[in-house]
């Protein structure tokens, strides 16, 4: 199983549409940046998301981050992404990074679901 996605591992994989990494805990800096076709991200155990991890991934529509603990989000993790078009799924009992219904760690999403 994969526990860490290294810095820049999938950077500029322009044909990548979905990423599902059931065991990944840590994503490095720019790990998935500039993946222009990426629409769906499923990282249920991720607890650390690096700087600019999803930067310029403008097609993202759905992200699942339902780890059992607090999720650390690097600076500019979603820079140049339209997060207002993204549905975010979080663990309802564990992550407390949101201050309002649609805000999580400084980003505003179209919908935040808790499971």
Protein backbone atom coordinates (compact mmCIF):
# COMPACT_ATOMS: atom_id res chain seq x y z
CA UNK A 1 0.00 0.00 0.00
CA UNK A 2 1.06 3.58 -0.67
CA UNK A 3 1.38 5.82 2.38
CA UNK A 4 3.12 8.86 0.90
CA UNK A 5 2.76 10.65 -2.42
CA UNK A 6 6.07 12.44 -2.91
CA UNK A 7 6.59 16.05 -3.99
CA UNK A 8 5.51 16.49 -7.60
CA UNK A 9 4.66 12.79 -8.07
CA UNK A 10 1.69 13.42 -10.39
CA UNK A 11 2.45 17.03 -11.32
CA UNK A 12 1.16 17.91 -14.81
CA UNK A 13 -0.45 14.52 -15.46
CA UNK A 14 -2.93 16.29 -17.73
CA UNK A 15 -4.94 13.17 -18.63
CA UNK A 16 -5.48 12.06 -15.00
CA UNK A 17 -9.23 12.32 -14.31
CA UNK A 18 -9.60 10.54 -10.97
CA UNK A 19 -7.29 9.58 -8.15
CA UNK A 20 -8.26 7.02 -5.53
CA UNK A 21 -5.60 6.23 -2.96
CA UNK A 22 -7.22 4.38 -0.08
CA UNK A 23 -4.07 4.18 2.06
CA UNK A 24 -2.25 7.47 1.32
CA UNK A 25 -1.70 9.50 4.50
CA UNK A 26 0.66 12.22 3.30
CA UNK A 27 0.70 14.17 0.03
CA UNK A 28 3.81 16.20 -0.75
CA UNK A 29 4.17 19.66 -2.23
CA UNK A 30 2.75 19.96 -5.76
CA UNK A 31 1.89 16.22 -5.64
CA UNK A 32 -1.09 16.67 -7.97
CA UNK A 33 -0.67 20.22 -9.24
CA UNK A 34 -1.54 21.15 -12.81
CA UNK A 35 -3.62 18.02 -13.40
CA UNK A 36 -6.07 19.84 -15.68
CA UNK A 37 -8.48 16.91 -16.17
CA UNK A 38 -8.63 15.81 -12.52
CA UNK A 39 -12.28 15.88 -11.38
CA UNK A 40 -12.47 13.40 -8.50
CA UNK A 41 -10.11 12.89 -5.55
CA UNK A 42 -10.63 10.11 -2.99
CA UNK A 43 -8.09 10.17 -0.16
CA UNK A 44 -9.94 8.81 2.88
CA UNK A 45 -6.87 8.52 5.13
CA UNK A 46 -4.93 11.66 4.15
CA UNK A 47 -3.93 13.71 7.17
CA UNK A 48 -1.26 15.90 5.58
CA UNK A 49 -1.67 17.78 2.31
CA UNK A 50 1.40 19.66 1.11
CA UNK A 51 1.89 23.17 -0.19
CA UNK A 52 0.26 23.73 -3.60
CA UNK A 53 -0.79 20.05 -3.69
CA UNK A 54 -3.81 20.66 -5.94
CA UNK A 55 -2.77 24.01 -7.43
CA UNK A 56 -4.18 24.75 -10.89
CA UNK A 57 -6.42 21.66 -10.86
CA UNK A 58 -9.32 23.63 -12.28
CA UNK A 59 -11.58 20.68 -13.14
CA UNK A 60 -11.95 19.30 -9.58
CA UNK A 61 -15.59 18.72 -8.63
CA UNK A 62 -15.44 16.24 -5.73
CA UNK A 63 -12.92 15.61 -2.93
CA UNK A 64 -13.22 13.03 -0.16
CA UNK A 65 -10.89 13.57 2.82
CA UNK A 66 -12.44 11.58 5.65
CA UNK A 67 -9.44 10.79 7.86
CA UNK A 68 -9.96 9.89 11.50
CA UNK A 69 -8.13 13.00 12.72
CA UNK A 70 -7.37 16.61 11.97
CA UNK A 71 -6.10 17.26 8.45
CA UNK A 72 -3.08 19.55 7.98
CA UNK A 73 -3.40 21.67 4.87
CA UNK A 74 -0.32 23.27 3.32
CA UNK A 75 -0.15 26.86 2.10
CA UNK A 76 -1.97 27.42 -1.20
CA UNK A 77 -3.10 23.78 -1.39
CA UNK A 78 -6.00 24.81 -3.66
CA UNK A 79 -4.51 27.94 -5.27
CA UNK A 80 -5.87 28.55 -8.79
CA UNK A 81 -8.72 26.10 -8.19
CA UNK A 82 -12.35 27.20 -8.17
CA UNK A 83 -13.22 25.63 -4.82
CA UNK A 84 -16.70 27.16 -5.02
CA UNK A 85 -17.43 24.46 -7.62
CA UNK A 86 -16.17 21.58 -5.42
CA UNK A 87 -18.08 19.25 -3.09
CA UNK A 88 -15.89 18.34 -0.10
CA UNK A 89 -16.55 15.26 2.07
CA UNK A 90 -15.06 15.20 5.59
CA UNK A 91 -15.33 13.00 8.70
CA UNK A 92 -18.10 14.65 10.72
CA UNK A 93 -16.72 13.72 14.12
CA UNK A 94 -13.04 14.40 13.64
CA UNK A 95 -12.19 17.42 11.49
CA UNK A 96 -13.01 20.83 12.93
CA UNK A 97 -11.26 23.05 10.40
CA UNK A 98 -14.44 24.79 9.26
CA UNK A 99 -15.86 28.03 10.59
CA UNK A 100 -19.08 28.07 8.57
CA UNK A 101 -21.29 25.82 6.50
CA UNK A 102 -19.26 26.16 3.29
CA UNK A 103 -15.81 27.15 4.59
CA UNK A 104 -12.98 24.79 5.50
CA UNK A 105 -9.49 25.98 6.41
CA UNK A 106 -9.90 29.27 4.59
CA UNK A 107 -11.44 27.88 1.40
CA UNK A 108 -15.09 28.15 0.39
CA UNK A 109 -16.71 25.14 -1.26
CA UNK A 110 -20.00 24.69 -3.13
CA UNK A 111 -20.98 21.96 -0.66
CA UNK A 112 -19.41 20.32 2.38
CA UNK A 113 -20.73 16.92 3.42
CA UNK A 114 -19.90 15.12 6.65
CA UNK A 115 -20.02 11.35 6.80
